[in-house]
C-alpha atoms as a PDB file:
ATOM      1  CA  UNK A   1      22.072 -39.037   0.636  1.00  0.00           C
ATOM      2  CA  UNK A   2      18.285 -38.749   0.736  1.00  0.00           C
ATOM      3  CA  UNK A   3      17.471 -35.034   1.684  1.00  0.00           C
ATOM      4  CA  UNK A   4      14.798 -34.797   4.758  1.00  0.00           C
ATOM      5  CA  UNK A   5      11.260 -34.603   3.125  1.00  0.00           C
ATOM      6  CA  UNK A   6      11.399 -30.783   5.524  1.00  0.00           C
ATOM      7  CA  UNK A   7      14.137 -29.603   3.735  1.00  0.00           C
ATOM      8  CA  UNK A   8      13.102 -31.200   0.330  1.00  0.00           C
ATOM      9  CA  UNK A   9       9.541 -29.652   0.380  1.00  0.00           C
ATOM     10  CA  UNK A  10      11.107 -26.083   1.605  1.00  0.00           C
ATOM     11  CA  UNK A  11      13.753 -26.338  -1.953  1.00  0.00           C
ATOM     12  CA  UNK A  12      10.400 -26.830  -3.735  1.00  0.00           C
ATOM     13  CA  UNK A  13       9.167 -23.870  -2.352  1.00  0.00           C
ATOM     14  CA  UNK A  14      11.705 -21.507  -2.480  1.00  0.00           C
ATOM     15  CA  UNK A  15      11.762 -23.076  -6.377  1.00  0.00           C
ATOM     16  CA  UNK A  16       8.730 -22.199  -6.979  1.00  0.00           C
ATOM     17  CA  UNK A  17       8.845 -18.633  -5.850  1.00  0.00           C
ATOM     18  CA  UNK A  18      11.926 -18.355  -8.126  1.00  0.00           C
ATOM     19  CA  UNK A  19       9.713 -19.092 -11.130  1.00  0.00           C
ATOM     20  CA  UNK A  20       7.113 -17.064 -10.292  1.00  0.00           C
ATOM     21  CA  UNK A  21       6.694 -13.959 -12.593  1.00  0.00           C
ATOM     22  CA  UNK A  22       3.500 -10.954 -12.972  1.00  0.00           C
ATOM     23  CA  UNK A  23       1.599 -11.301 -16.508  1.00  0.00           C
ATOM     24  CA  UNK A  24      -0.669  -8.362 -17.088  1.00  0.00           C
ATOM     25  CA  UNK A  25      -4.262  -9.198 -17.045  1.00  0.00           C
ATOM     26  CA  UNK A  26      -5.659  -5.904 -17.621  1.00  0.00           C
ATOM     27  CA  UNK A  27      -5.508  -2.295 -17.847  1.00  0.00           C
ATOM     28  CA  UNK A  28      -8.758  -0.198 -17.010  1.00  0.00           C
ATOM     29  CA  UNK A  29     -10.108   3.114 -18.816  1.00  0.00           C
ATOM     30  CA  UNK A  30      -7.676   5.996 -18.713  1.00  0.00           C
ATOM     31  CA  UNK A  31     -10.317   8.589 -16.860  1.00  0.00           C
ATOM     32  CA  UNK A  32      -8.723   8.210 -13.548  1.00  0.00           C
ATOM     33  CA  UNK A  33      -6.643  11.107 -12.392  1.00  0.00           C
ATOM     34  CA  UNK A  34      -3.660  10.741 -10.594  1.00  0.00           C
ATOM     35  CA  UNK A  35      -4.822   7.098  -8.886  1.00  0.00           C
ATOM     36  CA  UNK A  36      -2.567   6.776  -6.078  1.00  0.00           C
ATOM     37  CA  UNK A  37      -3.591   3.651  -3.915  1.00  0.00           C
ATOM     38  CA  UNK A  38      -5.656   0.694  -4.436  1.00  0.00           C
ATOM     39  CA  UNK A  39      -7.125  -1.490  -1.522  1.00  0.00           C
ATOM     40  CA  UNK A  40      -9.590  -4.642  -2.224  1.00  0.00           C
ATOM     41  CA  UNK A  41     -13.063  -5.108  -0.370  1.00  0.00           C
ATOM     42  CA  UNK A  42     -13.411  -9.174  -0.258  1.00  0.00           C
ATOM     43  CA  UNK A  43     -17.115  -8.412   1.018  1.00  0.00           C
ATOM     44  CA  UNK A  44     -18.089  -6.346  -1.681  1.00  0.00           C
ATOM     45  CA  UNK A  45     -15.756  -7.522  -4.018  1.00  0.00           C
ATOM     46  CA  UNK A  46     -14.573  -4.381  -5.284  1.00  0.00           C
ATOM     47  CA  UNK A  47     -11.652  -2.512  -5.050  1.00  0.00           C
ATOM     48  CA  UNK A  48     -10.950   1.084  -3.696  1.00  0.00           C
ATOM     49  CA  UNK A  49      -9.285   3.566  -6.148  1.00  0.00           C
ATOM     50  CA  UNK A  50      -7.469   7.227  -4.456  1.00  0.00           C
ATOM     51  CA  UNK A  51      -7.444   9.842  -6.635  1.00  0.00           C
ATOM     52  CA  UNK A  52      -5.449  13.018  -5.781  1.00  0.00           C
ATOM     53  CA  UNK A  53      -6.635  14.618  -9.427  1.00  0.00           C
ATOM     54  CA  UNK A  54      -3.988  17.823  -8.583  1.00  0.00           C
ATOM     55  CA  UNK A  55      -1.161  18.688  -7.488  1.00  0.00           C
ATOM     56  CA  UNK A  56       0.160  17.129  -4.282  1.00  0.00           C
ATOM     57  CA  UNK A  57      -0.987  18.793  -1.167  1.00  0.00           C
ATOM     58  CA  UNK A  58      -3.328  21.244  -2.906  1.00  0.00           C
ATOM     59  CA  UNK A  59      -6.269  21.873  -0.703  1.00  0.00           C
ATOM     60  CA  UNK A  60      -8.506  21.999  -3.774  1.00  0.00           C
ATOM     61  CA  UNK A  61     -11.393  19.741  -3.081  1.00  0.00           C
ATOM     62  CA  UNK A  62     -10.551  18.040  -6.024  1.00  0.00           C
ATOM     63  CA  UNK A  63      -9.680  14.321  -4.552  1.00  0.00           C
ATOM     64  CA  UNK A  64     -11.834  11.523  -5.496  1.00  0.00           C
ATOM     65  CA  UNK A  65     -12.253   7.781  -4.555  1.00  0.00           C
ATOM     66  CA  UNK A  66     -13.451   5.569  -7.428  1.00  0.00           C
ATOM     67  CA  UNK A  67     -14.440   2.199  -6.659  1.00  0.00           C
ATOM     68  CA  UNK A  68     -13.742  -0.666  -9.395  1.00  0.00           C
ATOM     69  CA  UNK A  69     -14.324  -4.431 -10.350  1.00  0.00           C
ATOM     70  CA  UNK A  70     -11.582  -7.360 -10.225  1.00  0.00           C
ATOM     71  CA  UNK A  71     -11.854  -7.328 -13.820  1.00  0.00           C
ATOM     72  CA  UNK A  72     -10.590  -3.546 -14.465  1.00  0.00           C
ATOM     73  CA  UNK A  73     -14.530  -2.400 -15.099  1.00  0.00           C
ATOM     74  CA  UNK A  74     -14.949   0.794 -13.483  1.00  0.00           C
ATOM     75  CA  UNK A  75     -18.137   0.712 -11.046  1.00  0.00           C
ATOM     76  CA  UNK A  76     -18.472   4.286  -9.993  1.00  0.00           C
ATOM     77  CA  UNK A  77     -15.692   6.633 -10.953  1.00  0.00           C
ATOM     78  CA  UNK A  78     -16.689   9.350  -8.240  1.00  0.00           C
ATOM     79  CA  UNK A  79     -18.329   7.391  -5.881  1.00  0.00           C
ATOM     80  CA  UNK A  80     -16.665   9.637  -2.992  1.00  0.00           C
ATOM     81  CA  UNK A  81     -15.917  13.063  -3.585  1.00  0.00           C
ATOM     82  CA  UNK A  82     -14.876  16.312  -1.580  1.00  0.00           C
ATOM     83  CA  UNK A  83     -11.369  15.301  -0.501  1.00  0.00           C
ATOM     84  CA  UNK A  84      -8.017  17.089  -0.955  1.00  0.00           C
ATOM     85  CA  UNK A  85      -4.781  14.936  -1.552  1.00  0.00           C
ATOM     86  CA  UNK A  86      -6.140  10.843  -1.113  1.00  0.00           C
ATOM     87  CA  UNK A  87      -3.178   8.892  -0.482  1.00  0.00           C
ATOM     88  CA  UNK A  88      -2.724   5.820   1.345  1.00  0.00           C
ATOM     89  CA  UNK A  89      -6.141   3.910   2.560  1.00  0.00           C
ATOM     90  CA  UNK A  90      -7.124   0.857   4.762  1.00  0.00           C
ATOM     91  CA  UNK A  91     -10.168  -0.875   4.811  1.00  0.00           C
ATOM     92  CA  UNK A  92     -11.335  -2.336   8.233  1.00  0.00           C
ATOM     93  CA  UNK A  93     -14.841  -3.740   9.581  1.00  0.00           C
ATOM     94  CA  UNK A  94     -16.284  -1.863   6.967  1.00  0.00           C
ATOM     95  CA  UNK A  95     -14.889   1.737   7.152  1.00  0.00           C
ATOM     96  CA  UNK A  96     -12.404   3.113   4.396  1.00  0.00           C
ATOM     97  CA  UNK A  97      -9.604   5.180   6.440  1.00  0.00           C
ATOM     98  CA  UNK A  98      -7.642   7.731   3.318  1.00  0.00           C
ATOM     99  CA  UNK A  99      -4.782   9.850   4.243  1.00  0.00           C
ATOM    100  CA  UNK A 100      -5.559  13.207   3.364  1.00  0.00           C
ATOM    101  CA  UNK A 101      -2.527  16.129   3.706  1.00  0.00           C
ATOM    102  CA  UNK A 102      -3.115  16.697   7.540  1.00  0.00           C
ATOM    103  CA  UNK A 103      -5.980  14.117   8.541  1.00  0.00           C
ATOM    104  CA  UNK A 104      -7.626  11.005   8.138  1.00  0.00           C
ATOM    105  CA  UNK A 105     -10.966  10.014   6.791  1.00  0.00           C
ATOM    106  CA  UNK A 106     -13.212   8.124   7.715  1.00  0.00           C
ATOM    107  CA  UNK A 107     -15.791   6.378   5.079  1.00  0.00           C
ATOM    108  CA  UNK A 108     -18.751   4.220   5.686  1.00  0.00           C
ATOM    109  CA  UNK A 109     -18.693   1.806   2.900  1.00  0.00           C
ATOM    110  CA  UNK A 110     -21.763   0.575   3.307  1.00  0.00           C
ATOM    111  CA  UNK A 111     -23.470   4.201   2.995  1.00  0.00           C
ATOM    112  CA  UNK A 112     -20.789   5.703   0.903  1.00  0.00           C
ATOM    113  CA  UNK A 113     -20.271   8.779   2.631  1.00  0.00           C
ATOM    114  CA  UNK A 114     -17.581   9.888   5.078  1.00  0.00           C
ATOM    115  CA  UNK A 115     -18.818  10.252   8.843  1.00  0.00           C
ATOM    116  CA  UNK A 116     -15.418  11.091  10.681  1.00  0.00           C
ATOM    117  CA  UNK A 117     -12.224  13.075  10.396  1.00  0.00           C
ATOM    118  CA  UNK A 118      -9.358  12.379  12.244  1.00  0.00           C
ATOM    119  CA  UNK A 119      -6.970  15.605  12.302  1.00  0.00           C
ATOM    120  CA  UNK A 120      -3.447  14.769  13.084  1.00  0.00           C
ATOM    121  CA  UNK A 121      -1.723  17.058  14.714  1.00  0.00           C
ATOM    122  CA  UNK A 122       1.469  18.923  13.309  1.00  0.00           C
ATOM    123  CA  UNK A 123       1.200  16.562   9.593  1.00  0.00           C
ATOM    124  CA  UNK A 124       2.683  17.826   6.931  1.00  0.00           C
ATOM    125  CA  UNK A 125       1.695  14.882   4.124  1.00  0.00           C
ATOM    126  CA  UNK A 126       0.109  11.790   5.156  1.00  0.00           C
ATOM    127  CA  UNK A 127       1.105   9.001   2.945  1.00  0.00           C
ATOM    128  CA  UNK A 128      -0.182   5.691   3.629  1.00  0.00           C
ATOM    129  CA  UNK A 129      -2.637   3.725   5.887  1.00  0.00           C
ATOM    130  CA  UNK A 130      -2.074   0.163   7.459  1.00  0.00           C
ATOM    131  CA  UNK A 131      -4.241  -1.103   9.838  1.00  0.00           C
ATOM    132  CA  UNK A 132      -3.252  -4.371  11.761  1.00  0.00           C
ATOM    133  CA  UNK A 133      -6.627  -6.787  12.965  1.00  0.00           C
ATOM    134  CA  UNK A 134      -7.165  -5.778  16.278  1.00  0.00           C
ATOM    135  CA  UNK A 135      -8.352  -2.251  14.115  1.00  0.00           C
ATOM    136  CA  UNK A 136      -5.164  -0.261  15.496  1.00  0.00           C
ATOM    137  CA  UNK A 137      -4.654   2.443  11.952  1.00  0.00           C
ATOM    138  CA  UNK A 138      -0.345   3.606  11.555  1.00  0.00           C
ATOM    139  CA  UNK A 139      -0.334   6.330   9.647  1.00  0.00           C
ATOM    140  CA  UNK A 140       3.007   7.918   8.080  1.00  0.00           C
ATOM    141  CA  UNK A 141       3.919  11.261   7.328  1.00  0.00           C
ATOM    142  CA  UNK A 142       6.836  11.192   4.805  1.00  0.00           C
ATOM    143  CA  UNK A 143       7.525  15.029   5.595  1.00  0.00           C
ATOM    144  CA  UNK A 144       8.205  14.852   9.534  1.00  0.00           C
ATOM    145  CA  UNK A 145       9.608  11.458   9.402  1.00  0.00           C
ATOM    146  CA  UNK A 146       6.621  10.208  11.618  1.00  0.00           C
ATOM    147  CA  UNK A 147       4.528   7.382  12.466  1.00  0.00           C
ATOM    148  CA  UNK A 148       0.950   7.911  14.167  1.00  0.00           C
ATOM    149  CA  UNK A 149      -1.071   5.504  15.294  1.00  0.00           C
ATOM    150  CA  UNK A 150      -5.048   5.770  15.838  1.00  0.00           C
ATOM    151  CA  UNK A 151      -6.894   3.609  18.167  1.00  0.00           C
ATOM    152  CA  UNK A 152     -10.177   3.794  19.253  1.00  0.00           C
ATOM    153  CA  UNK A 153     -10.213   7.180  19.171  1.00  0.00           C
ATOM    154  CA  UNK A 154      -7.035   8.320  20.674  1.00  0.00           C
ATOM    155  CA  UNK A 155      -4.863   9.592  18.056  1.00  0.00           C
ATOM    156  CA  UNK A 156      -0.696   9.658  19.233  1.00  0.00           C
ATOM    157  CA  UNK A 157       2.907  10.221  17.257  1.00  0.00           C
ATOM    158  CA  UNK A 158       3.481   6.648  17.275  1.00  0.00           C
ATOM    159  CA  UNK A 159       7.081   6.627  16.225  1.00  0.00           C
ATOM    160  CA  UNK A 160       9.595   9.350  15.667  1.00  0.00           C
ATOM    161  CA  UNK A 161      12.958   7.517  14.856  1.00  0.00           C
ATOM    162  CA  UNK A 162      16.371   9.003  13.206  1.00  0.00           C
ATOM    163  CA  UNK A 163      15.886   6.386  11.236  1.00  0.00           C
ATOM    164  CA  UNK A 164      13.288   7.316   9.559  1.00  0.00           C
ATOM    165  CA  UNK A 165      13.818   9.012   6.097  1.00  0.00           C
ATOM    166  CA  UNK A 166      10.544   9.661   4.016  1.00  0.00           C
ATOM    167  CA  UNK A 167       8.689   7.240   5.466  1.00  0.00           C
ATOM    168  CA  UNK A 168       5.604   5.933   3.170  1.00  0.00           C
ATOM    169  CA  UNK A 169       4.510   2.727   2.504  1.00  0.00           C
ATOM    170  CA  UNK A 170       3.135   0.705   6.133  1.00  0.00           C
ATOM    171  CA  UNK A 171       1.934  -2.693   6.534  1.00  0.00           C
ATOM    172  CA  UNK A 172       1.271  -3.337   9.927  1.00  0.00           C
ATOM    173  CA  UNK A 173       1.093  -7.094  11.471  1.00  0.00           C
ATOM    174  CA  UNK A 174       0.516  -8.913  14.723  1.00  0.00           C
ATOM    175  CA  UNK A 175       4.044  -8.291  15.983  1.00  0.00           C
ATOM    176  CA  UNK A 176       5.638  -5.430  13.838  1.00  0.00           C
ATOM    177  CA  UNK A 177       5.054  -3.159  11.266  1.00  0.00           C
ATOM    178  CA  UNK A 178       6.923  -2.555   7.902  1.00  0.00           C
ATOM    179  CA  UNK A 179       8.017   0.830   7.043  1.00  0.00           C
ATOM    180  CA  UNK A 180       9.173   1.830   3.951  1.00  0.00           C
ATOM    181  CA  UNK A 181      12.065   4.558   3.625  1.00  0.00           C
ATOM    182  CA  UNK A 182      11.018   6.332  -0.009  1.00  0.00           C
ATOM    183  CA  UNK A 183      14.341   8.540   0.581  1.00  0.00           C
ATOM    184  CA  UNK A 184      17.202   5.780   0.707  1.00  0.00           C
ATOM    185  CA  UNK A 185      15.088   2.497  -0.256  1.00  0.00           C
ATOM    186  CA  UNK A 186      15.651   0.557   3.264  1.00  0.00           C
ATOM    187  CA  UNK A 187      12.882  -1.018   4.640  1.00  0.00           C
ATOM    188  CA  UNK A 188      12.440  -1.634   8.523  1.00  0.00           C
ATOM    189  CA  UNK A 189      10.560  -4.305  10.186  1.00  0.00           C
ATOM    190  CA  UNK A 190       9.315  -2.005  13.780  1.00  0.00           C
ATOM    191  CA  UNK A 191       8.546  -4.488  16.951  1.00  0.00           C
ATOM    192  CA  UNK A 192       5.521  -3.078  18.047  1.00  0.00           C
ATOM    193  CA  UNK A 193       6.358  -3.907  21.570  1.00  0.00           C
ATOM    194  CA  UNK A 194      10.160  -2.073  21.618  1.00  0.00           C
ATOM    195  CA  UNK A 195       9.378  -0.046  18.537  1.00  0.00           C
ATOM    196  CA  UNK A 196      13.573  -1.033  17.665  1.00  0.00           C
ATOM    197  CA  UNK A 197      13.819  -0.795  13.741  1.00  0.00           C
ATOM    198  CA  UNK A 198      15.642  -3.645  11.953  1.00  0.00           C
ATOM    199  CA  UNK A 199      16.306  -3.257   8.344  1.00  0.00           C
ATOM    200  CA  UNK A 200      14.635  -6.211   6.538  1.00  0.00           C
ATOM    201  CA  UNK A 201      15.848  -5.044   2.977  1.00  0.00           C
ATOM    202  CA  UNK A 202      17.545  -2.629   0.934  1.00  0.00           C
ATOM    203  CA  UNK A 203      18.478  -1.516  -2.373  1.00  0.00           C
ATOM    204  CA  UNK A 204      14.522  -0.585  -3.753  1.00  0.00           C
ATOM    205  CA  UNK A 205      14.369   2.865  -5.052  1.00  0.00           C
ATOM    206  CA  UNK A 206      11.992   5.015  -4.343  1.00  0.00           C
ATOM    207  CA  UNK A 207       9.805   2.630  -2.482  1.00  0.00           C
ATOM    208  CA  UNK A 208       5.842   2.951  -2.192  1.00  0.00           C
ATOM    209  CA  UNK A 209       3.840   0.454  -1.200  1.00  0.00           C
ATOM    210  CA  UNK A 210       3.790  -3.116  -0.047  1.00  0.00           C
ATOM    211  CA  UNK A 211       1.231  -5.554   1.245  1.00  0.00           C
ATOM    212  CA  UNK A 212       1.295  -9.302   1.944  1.00  0.00           C
ATOM    213  CA  UNK A 213       1.954 -11.719  -0.608  1.00  0.00           C
ATOM    214  CA  UNK A 214      -0.692 -14.339   1.238  1.00  0.00           C
ATOM    215  CA  UNK A 215       1.867 -16.766   2.387  1.00  0.00           C
ATOM    216  CA  UNK A 216       5.119 -15.649   3.506  1.00  0.00           C
ATOM    217  CA  UNK A 217       6.254 -12.928   1.449  1.00  0.00           C
ATOM    218  CA  UNK A 218       5.793  -9.366   0.080  1.00  0.00           C
ATOM    219  CA  UNK A 219       5.220  -7.303  -2.628  1.00  0.00           C
ATOM    220  CA  UNK A 220       6.723  -3.992  -2.577  1.00  0.00           C
ATOM    221  CA  UNK A 221       6.515  -1.007  -5.389  1.00  0.00           C
ATOM    222  CA  UNK A 222       9.630   1.468  -6.545  1.00  0.00           C
ATOM    223  CA  UNK A 223       7.076   4.504  -7.533  1.00  0.00           C
ATOM    224  CA  UNK A 224       9.083   6.020  -9.543  1.00  0.00           C
ATOM    225  CA  UNK A 225      11.020   3.609 -11.395  1.00  0.00           C
ATOM    226  CA  UNK A 226       8.101   1.717 -12.198  1.00  0.00           C
ATOM    227  CA  UNK A 227       9.268  -0.967 -10.701  1.00  0.00           C
ATOM    228  CA  UNK A 228       7.462  -4.425  -8.453  1.00  0.00           C
ATOM    229  CA  UNK A 229       9.918  -6.552  -6.149  1.00  0.00           C
ATOM    230  CA  UNK A 230       8.936  -9.479  -4.557  1.00  0.00           C
ATOM    231  CA  UNK A 231      10.518 -10.256  -0.932  1.00  0.00           C
ATOM    232  CA  UNK A 232      10.808 -13.724   1.103  1.00  0.00           C
ATOM    233  CA  UNK A 233      10.177 -14.267   4.697  1.00  0.00           C
ATOM    234  CA  UNK A 234      14.114 -13.122   4.910  1.00  0.00           C
ATOM    235  CA  UNK A 235      13.561 -10.272   3.156  1.00  0.00           C
ATOM    236  CA  UNK A 236      15.275 -11.536   0.002  1.00  0.00           C
ATOM    237  CA  UNK A 237      14.336  -9.582  -2.775  1.00  0.00           C
ATOM    238  CA  UNK A 238      13.706 -10.344  -6.600  1.00  0.00           C
ATOM    239  CA  UNK A 239      12.947  -7.586  -9.414  1.00  0.00           C
ATOM    240  CA  UNK A 240       9.693  -9.192 -11.209  1.00  0.00           C
ATOM    241  CA  UNK A 241       8.293  -6.083 -13.005  1.00  0.00           C
ATOM    242  CA  UNK A 242      10.187  -3.254 -14.535  1.00  0.00           C
ATOM    243  CA  UNK A 243       8.039  -0.297 -16.153  1.00  0.00           C
ATOM    244  CA  UNK A 244      10.861   2.129 -16.886  1.00  0.00           C
ATOM    245  CA  UNK A 245      11.166   1.779 -20.368  1.00  0.00           C
ATOM    246  CA  UNK A 246       6.998   2.224 -20.655  1.00  0.00           C
ATOM    247  CA  UNK A 247       7.585   5.008 -18.426  1.00  0.00           C
ATOM    248  CA  UNK A 248       4.814   3.916 -16.292  1.00  0.00           C
ATOM    249  CA  UNK A 249       4.666   4.730 -12.428  1.00  0.00           C
ATOM    250  CA  UNK A 250       4.058   1.631  -9.932  1.00  0.00           C
ATOM    251  CA  UNK A 251       2.290   3.441  -6.511  1.00  0.00           C
ATOM    252  CA  UNK A 252       0.604   2.094  -3.427  1.00  0.00           C
ATOM    253  CA  UNK A 253      -0.342  -1.402  -4.604  1.00  0.00           C
ATOM    254  CA  UNK A 254      -2.673  -4.071  -3.703  1.00  0.00           C
ATOM    255  CA  UNK A 255      -3.333  -8.164  -4.031  1.00  0.00           C
ATOM    256  CA  UNK A 256      -5.661 -10.410  -4.596  1.00  0.00           C
ATOM    257  CA  UNK A 257      -4.560 -13.743  -2.992  1.00  0.00           C
ATOM    258  CA  UNK A 258      -7.853 -15.574  -3.888  1.00  0.00           C
ATOM    259  CA  UNK A 259      -7.255 -14.534  -7.586  1.00  0.00           C
ATOM    260  CA  UNK A 260      -3.011 -13.554  -7.302  1.00  0.00           C
ATOM    261  CA  UNK A 261      -3.528 -10.650  -9.081  1.00  0.00           C
ATOM    262  CA  UNK A 262      -1.349  -7.205  -8.189  1.00  0.00           C
ATOM    263  CA  UNK A 263      -3.607  -3.925  -8.079  1.00  0.00           C
ATOM    264  CA  UNK A 264      -1.003  -1.418  -9.387  1.00  0.00           C
ATOM    265  CA  UNK A 265      -2.330   2.574  -9.643  1.00  0.00           C
ATOM    266  CA  UNK A 266      -0.164   4.645 -12.295  1.00  0.00           C
ATOM    267  CA  UNK A 267      -0.148   8.064 -10.989  1.00  0.00           C
ATOM    268  CA  UNK A 268      -1.545   8.786 -14.587  1.00  0.00           C
ATOM    269  CA  UNK A 269      -4.877   7.799 -16.031  1.00  0.00           C
ATOM    270  CA  UNK A 270      -4.919   4.214 -15.406  1.00  0.00           C
ATOM    271  CA  UNK A 271      -4.821   1.212 -13.040  1.00  0.00           C
ATOM    272  CA  UNK A 272      -3.403  -1.737 -14.384  1.00  0.00           C
ATOM    273  CA  UNK A 273      -3.484  -5.632 -12.729  1.00  0.00           C
ATOM    274  CA  UNK A 274      -0.875  -8.428 -13.157  1.00  0.00           C
ATOM    275  CA  UNK A 275      -1.532 -11.778 -12.269  1.00  0.00           C
ATOM    276  CA  UNK A 276       1.187 -13.496 -10.355  1.00  0.00           C
ATOM    277  CA  UNK A 277       1.773 -17.090 -11.494  1.00  0.00           C
END
């Protein structure tokens, strides 16, 4: 009995995904100071790295943003300075947005300067930033269990639900927002219209960052466990990297689909990259 062509193609696609793995490609010089998040700028062909450079939540003015090339060479270590606790970042139309305790800092990447600050009233520990194709910013606060949204100049609390438990990583799509619960390892898909939370996957300890794989799947990091998972469109997960024995933290990741390169800030002194093949 012959399988229909579509069924066969889907089976081959699933087999390809199952067989894919990560291979370490490079590690940067040990000059970073608690690198937390990475974002790729395809127009400038650089990767932005946020550096906490101090204790979490310390208002010490020590935080900074670095730029590196896609081969791991550091371009500018302290490209933007004067931040406190820079965490997750998002890029939209030559503007880089950085979560910084209770504010979102807007950076003009062409001029390399801070040009606007959005104050989030009541925020305690803003963690991740994700931006949809319309330019709406979604920002997680892992201490107050809220998701805020910045749309134009309007700042609002977009979601406050009892199911949120230390929300960390976000991924804003056209119709939904993925939310990673760091406390209990649950990943939710939130409908943008109804704000209903649906379980997408579970069992990812200390889940931190989530990015698209450029197709119909996702990479998710388990920070303190040093793990990277690959999820398919149904939320079925596979552990593809385990760095516990190396005592390497996998923080807020970025993925470059054209280069098939996964960028991992380690919250120590380096940023590492793996090839997805």
